[in-house]
Amino acid sequence: MEERFALAAFRSRQQVMRFDSALRRSGVATQIISTPKDIQVGCGLSVRFEVGDAKKDQVVYRRYNPGNLIRFYLFTRLPGESKGRITPLT
């Protein structure tokens, strides 16, 4: 089964925590994860969320503006692959 999720990468761990908290208050299920090595930027942590929540998450980001966002990304890994693909979300 394909593994697919969205994430927001930040330059600061404090901003990761703020954004995660803002999303949870808005009713979005999140998880703080280690940023995938393919991105190789930021503080090493990202906020993971479902792809279907991406638009809402971007609205929450603009509303709370925690700052230091690098970018929103889509992570995809097909069955049998050891490494996933990372693409920017627009």
PDB file of N, CA and C in Angstrom:
ATOM      1  N   MET A   1       0.834  -1.179   0.000  1.00  0.00           N
ATOM      2  CA  MET A   1       0.000   0.000   0.000  1.00  0.00           C
ATOM      3  C   MET A   1       0.884   1.249   0.000  1.00  0.00           C
ATOM      4  N   GLU A   2       0.500   2.214  -0.787  1.00  0.00           N
ATOM      5  CA  GLU A   2       1.250   3.463  -0.876  1.00  0.00           C
ATOM      6  C   GLU A   2       1.179   4.237   0.434  1.00  0.00           C
ATOM      7  N   GLU A   3       2.322   4.774   0.850  1.00  0.00           N
ATOM      8  CA  GLU A   3       2.369   5.662   2.008  1.00  0.00           C
ATOM      9  C   GLU A   3       2.386   7.089   1.468  1.00  0.00           C
ATOM     10  N   ARG A   4       1.467   7.902   1.968  1.00  0.00           N
ATOM     11  CA  ARG A   4       1.349   9.265   1.445  1.00  0.00           C
ATOM     12  C   ARG A   4       0.886  10.195   2.557  1.00  0.00           C
ATOM     13  N   PHE A   5       1.621  11.282   2.752  1.00  0.00           N
ATOM     14  CA  PHE A   5       1.217  12.283   3.725  1.00  0.00           C
ATOM     15  C   PHE A   5       1.836  13.621   3.351  1.00  0.00           C
ATOM     16  N   ALA A   6       1.342  14.675   3.979  1.00  0.00           N
ATOM     17  CA  ALA A   6       1.886  16.015   3.785  1.00  0.00           C
ATOM     18  C   ALA A   6       2.658  16.407   5.031  1.00  0.00           C
ATOM     19  N   LEU A   7       3.561  17.362   4.871  1.00  0.00           N
ATOM     20  CA  LEU A   7       4.301  17.846   6.027  1.00  0.00           C
ATOM     21  C   LEU A   7       4.699  19.297   5.817  1.00  0.00           C
ATOM     22  N   ALA A   8       4.939  19.958   6.921  1.00  0.00           N
ATOM     23  CA  ALA A   8       5.420  21.335   6.916  1.00  0.00           C
ATOM     24  C   ALA A   8       6.780  21.346   7.598  1.00  0.00           C
ATOM     25  N   ALA A   9       7.801  21.803   6.880  1.00  0.00           N
ATOM     26  CA  ALA A   9       9.161  21.865   7.418  1.00  0.00           C
ATOM     27  C   ALA A   9       9.468  23.296   7.842  1.00  0.00           C
ATOM     28  N   PHE A  10      10.100  23.427   8.998  1.00  0.00           N
ATOM     29  CA  PHE A  10      10.417  24.734   9.569  1.00  0.00           C
ATOM     30  C   PHE A  10      11.908  24.840   9.880  1.00  0.00           C
ATOM     31  N   ARG A  11      12.370  26.071  10.054  1.00  0.00           N
ATOM     32  CA  ARG A  11      13.762  26.320  10.442  1.00  0.00           C
ATOM     33  C   ARG A  11      13.959  26.248  11.948  1.00  0.00           C
ATOM     34  N   SER A  12      12.878  26.280  12.709  1.00  0.00           N
ATOM     35  CA  SER A  12      12.962  26.358  14.164  1.00  0.00           C
ATOM     36  C   SER A  12      12.045  25.328  14.814  1.00  0.00           C
ATOM     37  N   ARG A  13      12.561  24.617  15.800  1.00  0.00           N
ATOM     38  CA  ARG A  13      11.735  23.645  16.531  1.00  0.00           C
ATOM     39  C   ARG A  13      10.593  24.337  17.261  1.00  0.00           C
ATOM     40  N   GLN A  14      10.833  25.540  17.744  1.00  0.00           N
ATOM     41  CA  GLN A  14       9.785  26.289  18.432  1.00  0.00           C
ATOM     42  C   GLN A  14       8.602  26.549  17.489  1.00  0.00           C
ATOM     43  N   GLN A  15       8.888  26.850  16.229  1.00  0.00           N
ATOM     44  CA  GLN A  15       7.815  27.101  15.258  1.00  0.00           C
ATOM     45  C   GLN A  15       7.079  25.808  14.907  1.00  0.00           C
ATOM     46  N   VAL A  16       7.787  24.692  14.891  1.00  0.00           N
ATOM     47  CA  VAL A  16       7.138  23.392  14.686  1.00  0.00           C
ATOM     48  C   VAL A  16       6.096  23.172  15.784  1.00  0.00           C
ATOM     49  N   MET A  17       6.488  23.409  17.017  1.00  0.00           N
ATOM     50  CA  MET A  17       5.589  23.211  18.159  1.00  0.00           C
ATOM     51  C   MET A  17       4.393  24.163  18.090  1.00  0.00           C
ATOM     52  N   ARG A  18       4.637  25.415  17.711  1.00  0.00           N
ATOM     53  CA  ARG A  18       3.544  26.395  17.611  1.00  0.00           C
ATOM     54  C   ARG A  18       2.553  26.013  16.522  1.00  0.00           C
ATOM     55  N   PHE A  19       3.074  25.615  15.360  1.00  0.00           N
ATOM     56  CA  PHE A  19       2.187  25.255  14.261  1.00  0.00           C
ATOM     57  C   PHE A  19       1.407  23.985  14.591  1.00  0.00           C
ATOM     58  N   ASP A  20       2.064  23.009  15.172  1.00  0.00           N
ATOM     59  CA  ASP A  20       1.387  21.783  15.586  1.00  0.00           C
ATOM     60  C   ASP A  20       0.243  22.110  16.554  1.00  0.00           C
ATOM     61  N   SER A  21       0.496  22.957  17.504  1.00  0.00           N
ATOM     62  CA  SER A  21      -0.514  23.349  18.478  1.00  0.00           C
ATOM     63  C   SER A  21      -1.676  24.083  17.809  1.00  0.00           C
ATOM     64  N   ALA A  22      -1.377  24.988  16.887  1.00  0.00           N
ATOM     65  CA  ALA A  22      -2.423  25.731  16.181  1.00  0.00           C
ATOM     66  C   ALA A  22      -3.295  24.792  15.351  1.00  0.00           C
ATOM     67  N   LEU A  23      -2.682  23.807  14.696  1.00  0.00           N
ATOM     68  CA  LEU A  23      -3.453  22.847  13.907  1.00  0.00           C
ATOM     69  C   LEU A  23      -4.358  22.004  14.795  1.00  0.00           C
ATOM     70  N   ARG A  24      -3.837  21.541  15.909  1.00  0.00           N
ATOM     71  CA  ARG A  24      -4.639  20.723  16.829  1.00  0.00           C
ATOM     72  C   ARG A  24      -5.828  21.513  17.368  1.00  0.00           C
ATOM     73  N   ARG A  25      -5.610  22.798  17.695  1.00  0.00           N
ATOM     74  CA  ARG A  25      -6.719  23.645  18.159  1.00  0.00           C
ATOM     75  C   ARG A  25      -7.770  23.828  17.071  1.00  0.00           C
ATOM     76  N   SER A  26      -7.351  23.722  15.815  1.00  0.00           N
ATOM     77  CA  SER A  26      -8.272  23.858  14.683  1.00  0.00           C
ATOM     78  C   SER A  26      -8.905  22.530  14.289  1.00  0.00           C
ATOM     79  N   GLY A  27      -8.601  21.468  15.033  1.00  0.00           N
ATOM     80  CA  GLY A  27      -9.219  20.175  14.777  1.00  0.00           C
ATOM     81  C   GLY A  27      -8.506  19.290  13.780  1.00  0.00           C
ATOM     82  N   VAL A  28      -7.267  19.609  13.444  1.00  0.00           N
ATOM     83  CA  VAL A  28      -6.497  18.814  12.486  1.00  0.00           C
ATOM     84  C   VAL A  28      -5.623  17.822  13.243  1.00  0.00           C
ATOM     85  N   ALA A  29      -5.672  16.565  12.829  1.00  0.00           N
ATOM     86  CA  ALA A  29      -4.816  15.531  13.416  1.00  0.00           C
ATOM     87  C   ALA A  29      -3.399  15.713  12.881  1.00  0.00           C
ATOM     88  N   THR A  30      -2.424  15.795  13.781  1.00  0.00           N
ATOM     89  CA  THR A  30      -1.034  16.015  13.389  1.00  0.00           C
ATOM     90  C   THR A  30      -0.112  15.068  14.128  1.00  0.00           C
ATOM     91  N   GLN A  31       1.127  15.070  13.682  1.00  0.00           N
ATOM     92  CA  GLN A  31       2.177  14.320  14.353  1.00  0.00           C
ATOM     93  C   GLN A  31       3.490  15.062  14.085  1.00  0.00           C
ATOM     94  N   ILE A  32       4.308  15.209  15.087  1.00  0.00           N
ATOM     95  CA  ILE A  32       5.630  15.790  14.884  1.00  0.00           C
ATOM     96  C   ILE A  32       6.576  14.651  14.536  1.00  0.00           C
ATOM     97  N   ILE A  33       7.279  14.810  13.405  1.00  0.00           N
ATOM     98  CA  ILE A  33       8.158  13.753  12.904  1.00  0.00           C
ATOM     99  C   ILE A  33       9.547  14.332  12.608  1.00  0.00           C
ATOM    100  N   SER A  34      10.512  13.445  12.444  1.00  0.00           N
ATOM    101  CA  SER A  34      11.820  13.855  11.939  1.00  0.00           C
ATOM    102  C   SER A  34      11.654  14.212  10.466  1.00  0.00           C
ATOM    103  N   THR A  35      12.224  15.336  10.073  1.00  0.00           N
ATOM    104  CA  THR A  35      12.127  15.751   8.677  1.00  0.00           C
ATOM    105  C   THR A  35      12.842  14.730   7.800  1.00  0.00           C
ATOM    106  N   PRO A  36      12.181  14.254   6.718  1.00  0.00           N
ATOM    107  CA  PRO A  36      12.845  13.290   5.832  1.00  0.00           C
ATOM    108  C   PRO A  36      14.179  13.830   5.314  1.00  0.00           C
ATOM    109  N   LYS A  37      15.155  12.963   5.233  1.00  0.00           N
ATOM    110  CA  LYS A  37      16.509  13.355   4.828  1.00  0.00           C
ATOM    111  C   LYS A  37      16.551  13.950   3.423  1.00  0.00           C
ATOM    112  N   ASP A  38      15.578  13.591   2.583  1.00  0.00           N
ATOM    113  CA  ASP A  38      15.548  14.113   1.218  1.00  0.00           C
ATOM    114  C   ASP A  38      15.383  15.627   1.187  1.00  0.00           C
ATOM    115  N   ILE A  39      14.793  16.187   2.226  1.00  0.00           N
ATOM    116  CA  ILE A  39      14.593  17.633   2.258  1.00  0.00           C
ATOM    117  C   ILE A  39      15.882  18.333   2.683  1.00  0.00           C
ATOM    118  N   GLN A  40      16.580  17.800   3.658  1.00  0.00           N
ATOM    119  CA  GLN A  40      17.885  18.282   4.132  1.00  0.00           C
ATOM    120  C   GLN A  40      17.908  19.769   4.445  1.00  0.00           C
ATOM    121  N   VAL A  41      16.849  20.270   5.029  1.00  0.00           N
ATOM    122  CA  VAL A  41      16.805  21.663   5.462  1.00  0.00           C
ATOM    123  C   VAL A  41      16.074  21.739   6.785  1.00  0.00           C
ATOM    124  N   GLY A  42      16.259  22.815   7.467  1.00  0.00           N
ATOM    125  CA  GLY A  42      15.460  23.066   8.657  1.00  0.00           C
ATOM    126  C   GLY A  42      16.067  22.546   9.936  1.00  0.00           C
ATOM    127  N   CYS A  43      15.203  22.466  10.933  1.00  0.00           N
ATOM    128  CA  CYS A  43      15.623  22.144  12.297  1.00  0.00           C
ATOM    129  C   CYS A  43      15.639  20.647  12.579  1.00  0.00           C
ATOM    130  N   GLY A  44      15.186  19.839  11.631  1.00  0.00           N
ATOM    131  CA  GLY A  44      15.170  18.392  11.832  1.00  0.00           C
ATOM    132  C   GLY A  44      13.814  17.841  12.225  1.00  0.00           C
ATOM    133  N   LEU A  45      12.852  18.714  12.517  1.00  0.00           N
ATOM    134  CA  LEU A  45      11.486  18.279  12.839  1.00  0.00           C
ATOM    135  C   LEU A  45      10.506  18.924  11.875  1.00  0.00           C
ATOM    136  N   SER A  46       9.419  18.219  11.606  1.00  0.00           N
ATOM    137  CA  SER A  46       8.346  18.728  10.752  1.00  0.00           C
ATOM    138  C   SER A  46       7.012  18.332  11.354  1.00  0.00           C
ATOM    139  N   VAL A  47       5.961  18.986  10.894  1.00  0.00           N
ATOM    140  CA  VAL A  47       4.597  18.635  11.285  1.00  0.00           C
ATOM    141  C   VAL A  47       3.993  17.800  10.162  1.00  0.00           C
ATOM    142  N   ARG A  48       3.576  16.591  10.506  1.00  0.00           N
ATOM    143  CA  ARG A  48       2.962  15.678   9.546  1.00  0.00           C
ATOM    144  C   ARG A  48       1.445  15.770   9.677  1.00  0.00           C
ATOM    145  N   PHE A  49       0.750  15.714   8.524  1.00  0.00           N
ATOM    146  CA  PHE A  49      -0.706  15.740   8.506  1.00  0.00           C
ATOM    147  C   PHE A  49      -1.205  15.057   7.237  1.00  0.00           C
ATOM    148  N   GLU A  50      -2.481  14.776   7.189  1.00  0.00           N
ATOM    149  CA  GLU A  50      -3.070  14.098   6.039  1.00  0.00           C
ATOM    150  C   GLU A  50      -3.118  15.031   4.832  1.00  0.00           C
ATOM    151  N   VAL A  51      -2.918  14.474   3.657  1.00  0.00           N
ATOM    152  CA  VAL A  51      -2.925  15.256   2.427  1.00  0.00           C
ATOM    153  C   VAL A  51      -4.246  16.013   2.273  1.00  0.00           C
ATOM    154  N   GLY A  52      -5.341  15.389   2.655  1.00  0.00           N
ATOM    155  CA  GLY A  52      -6.658  16.023   2.543  1.00  0.00           C
ATOM    156  C   GLY A  52      -6.815  17.261   3.415  1.00  0.00           C
ATOM    157  N   ASP A  53      -5.942  17.426   4.405  1.00  0.00           N
ATOM    158  CA  ASP A  53      -5.992  18.594   5.288  1.00  0.00           C
ATOM    159  C   ASP A  53      -5.065  19.726   4.834  1.00  0.00           C
ATOM    160  N   ALA A  54      -4.370  19.547   3.725  1.00  0.00           N
ATOM    161  CA  ALA A  54      -3.335  20.498   3.315  1.00  0.00           C
ATOM    162  C   ALA A  54      -3.864  21.918   3.133  1.00  0.00           C
ATOM    163  N   LYS A  55      -4.991  22.075   2.486  1.00  0.00           N
ATOM    164  CA  LYS A  55      -5.531  23.432   2.266  1.00  0.00           C
ATOM    165  C   LYS A  55      -5.894  24.092   3.592  1.00  0.00           C
ATOM    166  N   LYS A  56      -6.545  23.332   4.474  1.00  0.00           N
ATOM    167  CA  LYS A  56      -6.908  23.873   5.785  1.00  0.00           C
ATOM    168  C   LYS A  56      -5.649  24.250   6.560  1.00  0.00           C
ATOM    169  N   ASP A  57      -4.618  23.428   6.467  1.00  0.00           N
ATOM    170  CA  ASP A  57      -3.373  23.697   7.183  1.00  0.00           C
ATOM    171  C   ASP A  57      -2.718  24.981   6.695  1.00  0.00           C
ATOM    172  N   GLN A  58      -2.792  25.229   5.398  1.00  0.00           N
ATOM    173  CA  GLN A  58      -2.225  26.456   4.852  1.00  0.00           C
ATOM    174  C   GLN A  58      -3.003  27.678   5.337  1.00  0.00           C
ATOM    175  N   VAL A  59      -4.321  27.538   5.470  1.00  0.00           N
ATOM    176  CA  VAL A  59      -5.142  28.624   6.010  1.00  0.00           C
ATOM    177  C   VAL A  59      -4.762  28.884   7.469  1.00  0.00           C
ATOM    178  N   VAL A  60      -4.605  27.808   8.251  1.00  0.00           N
ATOM    179  CA  VAL A  60      -4.211  27.950   9.657  1.00  0.00           C
ATOM    180  C   VAL A  60      -2.830  28.608   9.745  1.00  0.00           C
ATOM    181  N   TYR A  61      -1.916  28.223   8.863  1.00  0.00           N
ATOM    182  CA  TYR A  61      -0.584  28.839   8.873  1.00  0.00           C
ATOM    183  C   TYR A  61      -0.697  30.346   8.644  1.00  0.00           C
ATOM    184  N   ARG A  62      -1.474  30.745   7.645  1.00  0.00           N
ATOM    185  CA  ARG A  62      -1.616  32.178   7.360  1.00  0.00           C
ATOM    186  C   ARG A  62      -2.278  32.918   8.526  1.00  0.00           C
ATOM    187  N   ARG A  63      -3.231  32.266   9.199  1.00  0.00           N
ATOM    188  CA  ARG A  63      -3.935  32.904  10.319  1.00  0.00           C
ATOM    189  C   ARG A  63      -3.013  33.101  11.517  1.00  0.00           C
ATOM    190  N   TYR A  64      -2.271  32.073  11.898  1.00  0.00           N
ATOM    191  CA  TYR A  64      -1.424  32.139  13.086  1.00  0.00           C
ATOM    192  C   TYR A  64      -0.007  32.614  12.789  1.00  0.00           C
ATOM    193  N   ASN A  65       0.433  32.458  11.554  1.00  0.00           N
ATOM    194  CA  ASN A  65       1.740  32.891  11.083  1.00  0.00           C
ATOM    195  C   ASN A  65       2.862  32.630  12.098  1.00  0.00           C
ATOM    196  N   PRO A  66       3.142  31.350  12.396  1.00  0.00           N
ATOM    197  CA  PRO A  66       4.214  31.048  13.359  1.00  0.00           C
ATOM    198  C   PRO A  66       5.603  31.391  12.831  1.00  0.00           C
ATOM    199  N   GLY A  67       5.739  31.650  11.538  1.00  0.00           N
ATOM    200  CA  GLY A  67       7.024  32.052  10.969  1.00  0.00           C
ATOM    201  C   GLY A  67       7.959  30.892  10.717  1.00  0.00           C
ATOM    202  N   ASN A  68       9.061  31.184  10.039  1.00  0.00           N
ATOM    203  CA  ASN A  68      10.149  30.237   9.767  1.00  0.00           C
ATOM    204  C   ASN A  68       9.747  29.001   8.971  1.00  0.00           C
ATOM    205  N   LEU A  69       8.636  29.066   8.246  1.00  0.00           N
ATOM    206  CA  LEU A  69       8.241  27.944   7.389  1.00  0.00           C
ATOM    207  C   LEU A  69       9.209  27.843   6.214  1.00  0.00           C
ATOM    208  N   ILE A  70       9.686  26.652   5.954  1.00  0.00           N
ATOM    209  CA  ILE A  70      10.498  26.430   4.757  1.00  0.00           C
ATOM    210  C   ILE A  70       9.561  26.160   3.591  1.00  0.00           C
ATOM    211  N   ARG A  71       8.662  25.167   3.782  1.00  0.00           N
ATOM    212  CA  ARG A  71       7.709  24.833   2.723  1.00  0.00           C
ATOM    213  C   ARG A  71       6.799  23.707   3.185  1.00  0.00           C
ATOM    214  N   PHE A  72       5.652  23.590   2.524  1.00  0.00           N
ATOM    215  CA  PHE A  72       4.780  22.434   2.667  1.00  0.00           C
ATOM    216  C   PHE A  72       5.206  21.421   1.605  1.00  0.00           C
ATOM    217  N   TYR A  73       5.269  20.138   1.995  1.00  0.00           N
ATOM    218  CA  TYR A  73       5.706  19.078   1.088  1.00  0.00           C
ATOM    219  C   TYR A  73       4.720  17.919   1.075  1.00  0.00           C
ATOM    220  N   LEU A  74       4.785  17.136  -0.007  1.00  0.00           N
ATOM    221  CA  LEU A  74       4.057  15.881  -0.128  1.00  0.00           C
ATOM    222  C   LEU A  74       5.093  14.766  -0.118  1.00  0.00           C
ATOM    223  N   PHE A  75       4.886  13.767   0.746  1.00  0.00           N
ATOM    224  CA  PHE A  75       5.766  12.599   0.830  1.00  0.00           C
ATOM    225  C   PHE A  75       5.004  11.406   0.274  1.00  0.00           C
ATOM    226  N   THR A  76       5.616  10.657  -0.646  1.00  0.00           N
ATOM    227  CA  THR A  76       4.999   9.471  -1.239  1.00  0.00           C
ATOM    228  C   THR A  76       6.027   8.351  -1.293  1.00  0.00           C
ATOM    229  N   ARG A  77       5.610   7.150  -0.838  1.00  0.00           N
ATOM    230  CA  ARG A  77       6.470   5.973  -0.952  1.00  0.00           C
ATOM    231  C   ARG A  77       5.609   4.825  -1.440  1.00  0.00           C
ATOM    232  N   LEU A  78       6.011   4.216  -2.555  1.00  0.00           N
ATOM    233  CA  LEU A  78       5.287   3.090  -3.130  1.00  0.00           C
ATOM    234  C   LEU A  78       5.710   1.798  -2.444  1.00  0.00           C
ATOM    235  N   PRO A  79       4.855   0.783  -2.494  1.00  0.00           N
ATOM    236  CA  PRO A  79       5.209  -0.509  -1.892  1.00  0.00           C
ATOM    237  C   PRO A  79       6.528  -1.031  -2.463  1.00  0.00           C
ATOM    238  N   GLY A  80       7.379  -1.534  -1.602  1.00  0.00           N
ATOM    239  CA  GLY A  80       8.655  -2.083  -2.015  1.00  0.00           C
ATOM    240  C   GLY A  80       9.777  -1.067  -2.114  1.00  0.00           C
ATOM    241  N   GLU A  81       9.451   0.206  -2.055  1.00  0.00           N
ATOM    242  CA  GLU A  81      10.482   1.238  -2.099  1.00  0.00           C
ATOM    243  C   GLU A  81      11.032   1.476  -0.699  1.00  0.00           C
ATOM    244  N   SER A  82      12.348   1.633  -0.605  1.00  0.00           N
ATOM    245  CA  SER A  82      12.933   1.941   0.700  1.00  0.00           C
ATOM    246  C   SER A  82      12.997   3.443   0.922  1.00  0.00           C
ATOM    247  N   LYS A  83      12.944   4.202  -0.143  1.00  0.00           N
ATOM    248  CA  LYS A  83      13.050   5.653  -0.063  1.00  0.00           C
ATOM    249  C   LYS A  83      11.810   6.280  -0.693  1.00  0.00           C
ATOM    250  N   GLY A  84      11.276   7.291  -0.029  1.00  0.00           N
ATOM    251  CA  GLY A  84      10.109   7.978  -0.552  1.00  0.00           C
ATOM    252  C   GLY A  84      10.492   9.156  -1.442  1.00  0.00           C
ATOM    253  N   ARG A  85       9.469   9.713  -2.070  1.00  0.00           N
ATOM    254  CA  ARG A  85       9.657  10.913  -2.898  1.00  0.00           C
ATOM    255  C   ARG A  85       9.071  12.110  -2.189  1.00  0.00           C
ATOM    256  N   ILE A  86       9.770  13.209  -2.249  1.00  0.00           N
ATOM    257  CA  ILE A  86       9.335  14.462  -1.638  1.00  0.00           C
ATOM    258  C   ILE A  86       9.117  15.476  -2.753  1.00  0.00           C
ATOM    259  N   THR A  87       7.916  16.063  -2.798  1.00  0.00           N
ATOM    260  CA  THR A  87       7.635  17.121  -3.758  1.00  0.00           C
ATOM    261  C   THR A  87       6.977  18.286  -3.040  1.00  0.00           C
ATOM    262  N   PRO A  88       7.281  19.513  -3.462  1.00  0.00           N
ATOM    263  CA  PRO A  88       6.651  20.667  -2.826  1.00  0.00           C
ATOM    264  C   PRO A  88       5.153  20.692  -3.108  1.00  0.00           C
ATOM    265  N   LEU A  89       4.382  21.082  -2.100  1.00  0.00           N
ATOM    266  CA  LEU A  89       2.946  21.307  -2.276  1.00  0.00           C
ATOM    267  C   LEU A  89       2.765  22.751  -2.718  1.00  0.00           C
ATOM    268  N   THR A  90       1.878  22.968  -3.648  1.00  0.00           N
ATOM    269  CA  THR A  90       1.639  24.342  -4.103  1.00  0.00           C
ATOM    270  C   THR A  90       0.395  24.903  -3.469  1.00  0.00           C
TER     271      THR A  90
END
